């Protein structure tokens, strides 16, 4: 028998999450049966989507949702030998039993000098989100101008780098001077700290006087309303997240520039990377290739210890991280 630690949701969040909304529990896991695998978490992902998903898709008492990279420590499944690694959506838990159907094995070509934590970031869901948002939703073309907000996060930082690989001008918005410097290191053409600008509209105009062909939207709220005014005619907007609204106790209602969207004939589309799951294997190889070539950099904000999962999650929602937030066991 193995003791597994889990973090459960004890109370749906009322505004910003609190320590008392979570509880650490211990449960007994049986030995794996034929065809089953026992896995131990190595890295756990911390992502913004956990906030709205936990509110609307979870019951109080459920294990907090999430993805992890885990190591096989016992196996009665020939497809997952002892010591191998896989990605699984088992939530905030230290150990998991699986029959293998819910596992994604780490690529056989994964380099030994690349941390497996990147399978939760640049070479994982955030990287796929960035790639599909650019290619499938925006249809970004060389020479176009792209605006991305929350640009120093796990998704935004990859978005900007892929756009530069494609030969685009990239403008990024972020929440600190240190993050602005980070974006400049990544090759963003323009970057600014939205918390320090006197006028967001003037800052966006100054960064790209000709306007924006595409907008990769991670924030929502007032930023989106202002940014849409700066779009070129027939501009495209990929809506990936709305982190500025996740902790609101009442839904935001406008103002939204509908007239601007009509006059400029803008196209806006929300999406999740799971829509293109059939493309994942090849897309992950592309992301890995860019990492190996040095074209795609990965920044991680690593927090040690499973006991710090709630703190890591709340820190993410406050913008403590630069790049991908990871909890390491």
Protein backbone atom coordinates (compact mmCIF):
# COMPACT_ATOMS: atom_id res chain seq x y z
CA UNK A 1 0.00 0.00 0.00
CA UNK A 2 1.20 3.50 -0.85
CA UNK A 3 0.12 6.67 0.90
CA UNK A 4 -0.77 9.43 -1.55
CA UNK A 5 -1.05 13.06 -0.49
CA UNK A 6 -3.72 15.14 -2.21
CA UNK A 7 -4.88 18.74 -2.10
CA UNK A 8 -8.65 19.05 -2.22
CA UNK A 9 -10.94 22.02 -2.75
CA UNK A 10 -12.80 22.53 0.51
CA UNK A 11 -14.72 25.64 -0.54
CA UNK A 12 -15.39 27.30 -3.88
CA UNK A 13 -13.40 30.51 -4.16
CA UNK A 14 -15.11 33.74 -3.22
CA UNK A 15 -12.93 36.25 -5.02
CA UNK A 16 -9.22 35.58 -4.62
CA UNK A 17 -8.41 32.06 -3.28
CA UNK A 18 -7.46 31.67 0.38
CA UNK A 19 -5.42 29.06 2.28
CA UNK A 20 -8.62 27.85 3.95
CA UNK A 21 -10.08 26.93 0.55
CA UNK A 22 -7.66 23.98 0.38
CA UNK A 23 -6.99 20.95 2.56
CA UNK A 24 -4.14 18.44 2.43
CA UNK A 25 -5.35 14.84 2.76
CA UNK A 26 -3.78 11.40 2.69
CA UNK A 27 -5.31 8.38 0.97
CA UNK A 28 -4.21 4.75 0.64
CA UNK A 29 -3.55 3.39 -2.85
CA UNK A 30 -3.67 -0.34 -3.51
CA UNK A 31 -0.90 -2.23 -5.30
CA UNK A 32 -1.21 -2.07 -9.10
CA UNK A 33 -3.20 -4.88 -10.70
CA UNK A 34 -2.48 -6.45 -14.08
CA UNK A 35 -2.28 -3.68 -16.68
CA UNK A 36 -1.91 -0.92 -14.07
CA UNK A 37 0.91 1.47 -13.21
CA UNK A 38 1.78 3.28 -9.98
CA UNK A 39 3.26 6.71 -10.60
CA UNK A 40 4.98 9.26 -8.38
CA UNK A 41 4.83 12.96 -9.21
CA UNK A 42 8.11 14.64 -10.19
CA UNK A 43 6.84 18.03 -11.44
CA UNK A 44 3.37 19.53 -11.08
CA UNK A 45 1.99 22.27 -13.30
CA UNK A 46 0.41 25.46 -11.97
CA UNK A 47 -1.79 27.19 -14.54
CA UNK A 48 -4.29 30.08 -14.68
CA UNK A 49 -7.05 27.85 -16.07
CA UNK A 50 -7.23 26.10 -12.69
CA UNK A 51 -9.07 29.14 -11.29
CA UNK A 52 -12.16 29.14 -13.56
CA UNK A 53 -12.17 25.35 -14.05
CA UNK A 54 -12.16 24.69 -10.31
CA UNK A 55 -15.02 27.14 -9.88
CA UNK A 56 -17.27 25.76 -12.59
CA UNK A 57 -16.21 22.13 -13.14
CA UNK A 58 -15.41 20.92 -9.63
CA UNK A 59 -17.36 20.07 -6.51
CA UNK A 60 -16.21 20.95 -3.04
CA UNK A 61 -14.22 17.97 -1.76
CA UNK A 62 -12.72 17.13 -5.18
CA UNK A 63 -8.96 16.87 -5.71
CA UNK A 64 -7.70 20.06 -7.33
CA UNK A 65 -7.31 19.67 -11.09
CA UNK A 66 -3.96 19.82 -12.82
CA UNK A 67 -1.27 18.10 -14.87
CA UNK A 68 2.00 16.56 -13.81
CA UNK A 69 5.06 14.70 -15.00
CA UNK A 70 5.32 11.47 -13.03
CA UNK A 71 7.74 8.55 -12.79
CA UNK A 72 6.64 4.92 -12.97
CA UNK A 73 7.61 3.32 -9.65
CA UNK A 74 5.62 0.08 -10.03
CA UNK A 75 4.33 -1.41 -13.26
CA UNK A 76 2.26 -4.32 -14.46
CA UNK A 77 1.84 -2.72 -17.87
CA UNK A 78 4.46 -3.52 -20.55
CA UNK A 79 3.92 -0.14 -22.23
CA UNK A 80 5.20 1.71 -19.15
CA UNK A 81 8.39 0.12 -17.79
CA UNK A 82 9.77 0.88 -14.36
CA UNK A 83 11.57 4.23 -14.30
CA UNK A 84 9.84 5.65 -17.38
CA UNK A 85 8.01 8.98 -17.27
CA UNK A 86 4.63 10.20 -18.48
CA UNK A 87 2.37 13.26 -18.40
CA UNK A 88 -1.01 12.78 -16.75
CA UNK A 89 -3.98 14.88 -15.64
CA UNK A 90 -4.27 13.44 -12.15
CA UNK A 91 -4.59 16.70 -10.24
CA UNK A 92 -2.74 17.80 -7.14
CA UNK A 93 -1.57 14.41 -5.86
CA UNK A 94 1.78 12.82 -5.09
CA UNK A 95 0.93 9.31 -6.34
CA UNK A 96 -1.53 7.93 -8.89
CA UNK A 97 -2.77 4.57 -10.13
CA UNK A 98 -3.46 4.29 -13.84
CA UNK A 99 -4.33 1.69 -16.45
CA UNK A 100 -2.26 3.69 -18.96
CA UNK A 101 -5.14 5.06 -21.03
CA UNK A 102 -4.89 8.50 -19.43
CA UNK A 103 -1.11 8.78 -19.80
CA UNK A 104 1.00 10.51 -22.43
CA UNK A 105 4.49 9.01 -22.50
CA UNK A 106 7.44 11.37 -22.72
CA UNK A 107 8.82 11.42 -26.27
CA UNK A 108 11.52 8.82 -26.88
CA UNK A 109 13.68 11.52 -28.51
CA UNK A 110 13.58 13.74 -25.40
CA UNK A 111 17.18 14.97 -24.83
CA UNK A 112 18.87 14.04 -21.56
CA UNK A 113 19.97 17.65 -21.04
CA UNK A 114 16.42 19.06 -21.25
CA UNK A 115 14.41 19.05 -18.02
CA UNK A 116 11.25 16.95 -18.07
CA UNK A 117 9.48 19.91 -16.48
CA UNK A 118 9.34 21.47 -19.96
CA UNK A 119 6.72 18.82 -20.81
CA UNK A 120 4.39 20.97 -18.67
CA UNK A 121 5.47 24.22 -20.31
CA UNK A 122 7.20 25.09 -23.55
CA UNK A 123 7.04 21.50 -24.85
CA UNK A 124 3.61 20.87 -23.36
CA UNK A 125 0.17 22.42 -23.05
CA UNK A 126 1.30 26.09 -22.91
CA UNK A 127 3.57 25.63 -25.93
CA UNK A 128 0.80 23.91 -27.87
CA UNK A 129 -1.61 26.69 -26.91
CA UNK A 130 0.82 29.29 -28.24
CA UNK A 131 1.46 27.38 -31.48
CA UNK A 132 -2.19 26.65 -32.30
CA UNK A 133 -3.30 30.16 -31.37
CA UNK A 134 -0.77 31.61 -33.80
CA UNK A 135 -1.20 29.13 -36.66
CA UNK A 136 -4.74 27.78 -36.44
CA UNK A 137 -6.66 30.74 -35.00
CA UNK A 138 -4.75 33.85 -36.05
CA UNK A 139 -3.15 32.55 -39.22
CA UNK A 140 -0.22 34.88 -38.48
CA UNK A 141 1.92 35.75 -41.51
CA UNK A 142 5.50 36.96 -41.85
CA UNK A 143 5.77 40.74 -41.63
CA UNK A 144 2.60 41.21 -39.57
CA UNK A 145 2.40 42.96 -36.19
CA UNK A 146 1.32 40.93 -33.16
CA UNK A 147 0.25 42.20 -29.74
CA UNK A 148 0.36 39.78 -26.80
CA UNK A 149 -0.55 40.53 -23.19
CA UNK A 150 0.56 38.57 -20.11
CA UNK A 151 3.56 38.24 -22.38
CA UNK A 152 6.03 37.03 -19.75
CA UNK A 153 3.83 34.09 -18.75
CA UNK A 154 4.08 30.47 -19.83
CA UNK A 155 1.95 30.97 -22.96
CA UNK A 156 2.70 34.58 -23.83
CA UNK A 157 6.47 34.19 -23.77
CA UNK A 158 6.25 31.28 -26.23
CA UNK A 159 3.77 33.18 -28.42
CA UNK A 160 6.20 36.05 -28.85
CA UNK A 161 9.14 33.81 -29.65
CA UNK A 162 7.26 31.77 -32.25
CA UNK A 163 6.06 34.99 -33.88
CA UNK A 164 9.67 36.19 -34.11
CA UNK A 165 10.70 32.84 -35.65
CA UNK A 166 8.00 33.53 -38.26
CA UNK A 167 9.40 36.99 -39.03
CA UNK A 168 6.82 39.20 -37.30
CA UNK A 169 7.00 42.34 -35.21
CA UNK A 170 5.96 41.57 -31.63
CA UNK A 171 4.74 43.94 -28.91
CA UNK A 172 4.34 42.55 -25.40
CA UNK A 173 2.58 43.85 -22.29
CA UNK A 174 3.57 42.62 -18.84
CA UNK A 175 3.38 43.63 -15.18
CA UNK A 176 6.90 44.54 -14.00
CA UNK A 177 10.11 46.16 -15.21
CA UNK A 178 11.99 42.89 -14.67
CA UNK A 179 9.53 41.11 -16.95
CA UNK A 180 9.93 43.84 -19.57
CA UNK A 181 13.68 43.19 -19.52
CA UNK A 182 12.98 39.45 -19.88
CA UNK A 183 10.81 40.05 -22.96
CA UNK A 184 13.56 42.15 -24.52
CA UNK A 185 15.98 39.26 -23.95
CA UNK A 186 13.56 36.98 -25.79
CA UNK A 187 13.62 39.28 -28.81
CA UNK A 188 10.32 41.17 -28.44
CA UNK A 189 10.51 44.33 -30.54
CA UNK A 190 8.61 46.40 -27.99
CA UNK A 191 7.63 45.65 -24.38
CA UNK A 192 6.07 47.74 -21.64
CA UNK A 193 4.93 47.55 -18.02
CA UNK A 194 1.20 48.23 -18.20
CA UNK A 195 1.14 49.15 -14.50
CA UNK A 196 3.36 52.17 -15.14
CA UNK A 197 1.93 53.67 -18.33
CA UNK A 198 -0.15 56.85 -18.12
CA UNK A 199 -2.27 55.83 -21.11
CA UNK A 200 -2.53 52.29 -22.43
CA UNK A 201 -3.95 53.57 -25.72
CA UNK A 202 -1.05 55.98 -26.26
CA UNK A 203 1.49 53.30 -25.31
CA UNK A 204 0.02 50.85 -27.82
CA UNK A 205 0.00 53.54 -30.54
CA UNK A 206 3.60 54.45 -29.82
CA UNK A 207 4.72 50.80 -29.93
CA UNK A 208 3.06 50.25 -33.31
CA UNK A 209 1.74 53.46 -34.95
CA UNK A 210 0.43 51.46 -37.90
CA UNK A 211 -1.75 49.32 -35.59
CA UNK A 212 -1.91 45.56 -35.03
CA UNK A 213 -2.74 42.76 -37.43
CA UNK A 214 -3.18 40.20 -34.67
CA UNK A 215 -3.79 40.17 -30.90
CA UNK A 216 -3.13 37.15 -28.68
CA UNK A 217 -5.44 37.83 -25.73
CA UNK A 218 -4.64 36.38 -22.29
CA UNK A 219 -5.99 39.09 -19.97
CA UNK A 220 -9.47 40.38 -20.87
CA UNK A 221 -11.20 43.24 -19.11
CA UNK A 222 -10.28 46.85 -19.80
CA UNK A 223 -7.04 45.96 -21.59
CA UNK A 224 -8.99 44.14 -24.28
CA UNK A 225 -11.39 47.05 -24.77
CA UNK A 226 -8.50 49.46 -25.32
CA UNK A 227 -6.43 47.09 -27.46
CA UNK A 228 -9.25 46.39 -29.92
CA UNK A 229 -9.33 50.09 -30.79
CA UNK A 230 -5.74 49.73 -32.03
CA UNK A 231 -6.39 46.85 -34.42
CA UNK A 232 -6.01 47.23 -38.17
CA UNK A 233 -8.96 46.60 -40.44
CA UNK A 234 -9.68 42.86 -40.73
CA UNK A 235 -7.52 42.21 -37.64
CA UNK A 236 -7.69 38.85 -35.88
CA UNK A 237 -7.90 38.19 -32.13
CA UNK A 238 -7.20 34.82 -30.48
CA UNK A 239 -8.81 34.69 -27.02
CA UNK A 240 -6.81 32.29 -24.87
CA UNK A 241 -7.52 33.58 -21.36
CA UNK A 242 -9.05 36.32 -19.23
CA UNK A 243 -6.89 36.28 -16.12
CA UNK A 244 -7.84 39.84 -15.10
CA UNK A 245 -11.41 38.65 -14.48
CA UNK A 246 -10.84 35.25 -12.84
CA UNK A 247 -11.08 36.52 -9.27
CA UNK A 248 -14.04 38.86 -9.79
CA UNK A 249 -16.95 38.14 -7.48
CA UNK A 250 -19.39 39.39 -10.14
CA UNK A 251 -18.95 39.02 -13.92
CA UNK A 252 -17.64 42.05 -15.79
CA UNK A 253 -20.12 43.60 -18.23
CA UNK A 254 -18.57 45.86 -20.89
CA UNK A 255 -17.71 48.33 -22.03
CA UNK A 256 -16.87 46.37 -25.15
CA UNK A 257 -16.19 48.16 -28.46
CA UNK A 258 -18.75 46.38 -30.63
CA UNK A 259 -18.85 49.31 -33.04
CA UNK A 260 -15.09 49.10 -33.45
CA UNK A 261 -15.37 45.41 -34.27
CA UNK A 262 -18.01 46.15 -36.91
CA UNK A 263 -16.24 49.10 -38.52
CA UNK A 264 -12.84 47.40 -38.55
CA UNK A 265 -14.43 44.03 -39.44
CA UNK A 266 -12.43 42.23 -36.76
CA UNK A 267 -12.45 38.47 -36.21
CA UNK A 268 -12.34 37.18 -32.62
CA UNK A 269 -12.20 33.51 -31.65
CA UNK A 270 -11.84 31.73 -28.34
CA UNK A 271 -9.97 28.43 -28.28
CA UNK A 272 -8.34 25.66 -26.27
CA UNK A 273 -5.41 23.59 -27.48
CA UNK A 274 -7.35 20.33 -27.04
CA UNK A 275 -9.23 21.09 -30.28
CA UNK A 276 -6.14 20.00 -32.22
CA UNK A 277 -5.21 16.97 -30.11
CA UNK A 278 -4.66 14.96 -33.30
CA UNK A 279 -1.74 17.28 -34.10
CA UNK A 280 -0.09 17.08 -30.68
CA UNK A 281 2.66 14.51 -31.44
CA UNK A 282 4.01 16.38 -34.45
CA UNK A 283 3.54 19.80 -32.82
CA UNK A 284 5.47 18.75 -29.72
CA UNK A 285 8.33 17.58 -31.94
CA UNK A 286 8.38 21.01 -33.61
CA UNK A 287 8.52 22.77 -30.24
CA UNK A 288 11.28 20.45 -29.04
CA UNK A 289 13.20 21.10 -32.26
CA UNK A 290 13.09 24.87 -31.69
CA UNK A 291 14.27 24.39 -28.10
CA UNK A 292 17.20 22.20 -29.24
CA UNK A 293 18.11 24.76 -31.92
CA UNK A 294 18.12 27.57 -29.35
CA UNK A 295 15.29 29.42 -31.12
CA UNK A 296 12.86 28.91 -28.25
CA UNK A 297 13.91 29.74 -24.69
CA UNK A 298 12.20 28.37 -21.62
CA UNK A 299 11.92 30.31 -18.38
CA UNK A 300 10.60 28.49 -15.31
CA UNK A 301 9.44 29.73 -11.92
CA UNK A 302 10.04 26.67 -9.73
CA UNK A 303 8.59 26.25 -6.23
CA UNK A 304 9.87 23.35 -4.14
CA UNK A 305 7.61 21.02 -2.21
CA UNK A 306 4.15 19.54 -2.68
CA UNK A 307 2.99 21.31 0.48
CA UNK A 308 3.38 24.60 -1.39
CA UNK A 309 0.84 23.87 -4.15
CA UNK A 310 -1.78 26.37 -2.89
CA UNK A 311 0.85 29.06 -2.36
CA UNK A 312 2.23 28.48 -5.86
CA UNK A 313 -1.27 28.71 -7.33
CA UNK A 314 -2.11 31.93 -5.51
CA UNK A 315 1.29 33.38 -6.43
CA UNK A 316 0.57 32.66 -10.08
CA UNK A 317 -2.73 34.54 -9.89
CA UNK A 318 -0.86 37.52 -8.40
CA UNK A 319 1.73 37.46 -11.23
CA UNK A 320 4.68 36.27 -9.15
CA UNK A 321 5.97 34.05 -11.95
CA UNK A 322 8.06 34.80 -14.99
CA UNK A 323 7.55 32.01 -17.48
CA UNK A 324 6.06 28.66 -16.44
CA UNK A 325 5.10 28.07 -12.80
CA UNK A 326 6.15 24.58 -11.66
CA UNK A 327 6.10 22.79 -8.32
CA UNK A 328 8.99 20.36 -7.99
CA UNK A 329 8.76 17.41 -5.61
